[in-house]
Amino acid sequence: MKIKMIQPAPDKNDASKMYSVGDVVDLGAERNRSAVNRRLAVWVDAKKSEKVSIPTDKKKKVSKAGSELVETKKSE
């Protein structure tokens, strides 16, 4: 699977090469996963659409009170 660079970064194996913002590359499974985890890149599928995977721990519960929706945060 390919990744799209969202931050400029040097190549790990070739110090003279820089990846620019917007470059779509395939560096191999491990290096792609590392770049996405370090927030240097996002996943791109075959149709060139981005799959942003940013982990979040915020959850919302939505309940109805009459016709009005009330949002509440999950208490920890």
Protein backbone atom coordinates (compact mmCIF):
# COMPACT_ATOMS: atom_id res chain seq x y z
CA MET A 1 0.00 0.00 0.00
CA LYS A 2 1.25 3.50 -0.77
CA ILE A 3 1.58 6.53 1.48
CA LYS A 4 1.34 10.27 0.81
CA MET A 5 3.85 12.49 2.58
CA ILE A 6 2.31 15.31 4.65
CA GLN A 7 5.62 16.49 6.16
CA PRO A 8 9.03 16.86 4.46
CA ALA A 9 11.39 14.09 5.54
CA PRO A 10 14.81 12.71 4.54
CA ASP A 11 15.15 9.16 3.18
CA LYS A 12 16.42 6.77 5.85
CA ASN A 13 18.72 4.88 3.45
CA ASP A 14 19.85 7.76 1.21
CA ALA A 15 20.59 10.93 3.20
CA SER A 16 20.82 13.04 0.03
CA LYS A 17 17.18 12.30 -0.92
CA MET A 18 14.30 14.30 0.59
CA TYR A 19 10.59 13.47 0.35
CA SER A 20 8.43 16.53 -0.22
CA VAL A 21 4.88 17.22 0.92
CA GLY A 22 2.49 15.51 -1.50
CA ASP A 23 4.87 12.79 -2.71
CA VAL A 24 3.13 9.40 -3.08
CA VAL A 25 5.60 6.60 -2.39
CA ASP A 26 5.80 2.96 -1.33
CA LEU A 27 8.73 2.42 1.03
CA GLY A 28 7.84 -1.09 2.11
CA ALA A 29 5.42 -2.27 4.79
CA GLU A 30 7.55 -1.49 7.83
CA ARG A 31 8.80 1.92 6.69
CA ASN A 32 5.31 2.94 5.51
CA ARG A 33 3.82 2.03 8.89
CA SER A 34 6.61 3.91 10.68
CA ALA A 35 6.07 7.07 8.60
CA VAL A 36 2.32 7.01 9.28
CA ASN A 37 2.85 6.39 13.02
CA ARG A 38 5.30 9.32 13.19
CA ARG A 39 2.69 11.49 11.40
CA LEU A 40 4.92 12.14 8.40
CA ALA A 41 2.48 10.48 5.98
CA VAL A 42 -1.07 9.16 5.50
CA TRP A 43 -2.24 5.96 3.82
CA VAL A 44 -3.42 6.17 0.20
CA ASP A 45 -5.43 3.45 -1.53
CA ALA A 46 -5.26 2.52 -5.22
CA LYS A 47 -7.71 5.29 -6.15
CA LYS A 48 -5.41 7.94 -4.59
CA SER A 49 -7.88 8.79 -1.82
CA GLU A 50 -6.35 9.40 1.59
CA LYS A 51 -7.17 7.24 4.59
CA VAL A 52 -6.39 9.37 7.59
CA SER A 53 -5.90 7.21 10.65
CA ILE A 54 -5.37 9.36 13.69
CA PRO A 55 -6.01 7.54 16.96
CA THR A 56 -8.42 9.31 19.29
CA ASP A 57 -9.65 8.45 22.74
CA LYS A 58 -12.55 10.89 22.81
CA LYS A 59 -15.98 9.28 22.80
CA LYS A 60 -19.40 10.93 22.76
CA LYS A 61 -22.74 9.65 23.88
CA VAL A 62 -25.78 11.21 22.27
CA SER A 63 -29.17 11.07 23.93
CA LYS A 64 -32.51 12.61 23.02
CA ALA A 65 -34.21 15.04 25.37
CA GLY A 66 -37.52 15.77 23.69
CA SER A 67 -36.58 16.86 20.17
CA GLU A 68 -33.23 18.35 21.21
CA LEU A 69 -29.98 16.35 20.94
CA VAL A 70 -27.65 16.67 23.90
CA GLU A 71 -23.96 15.72 23.56
CA THR A 72 -22.07 14.57 26.61
CA LYS A 73 -18.47 13.44 27.15
CA LYS A 74 -17.69 10.02 28.53
CA SER A 75 -16.47 10.41 32.10
CA GLU A 76 -13.33 8.52 33.10
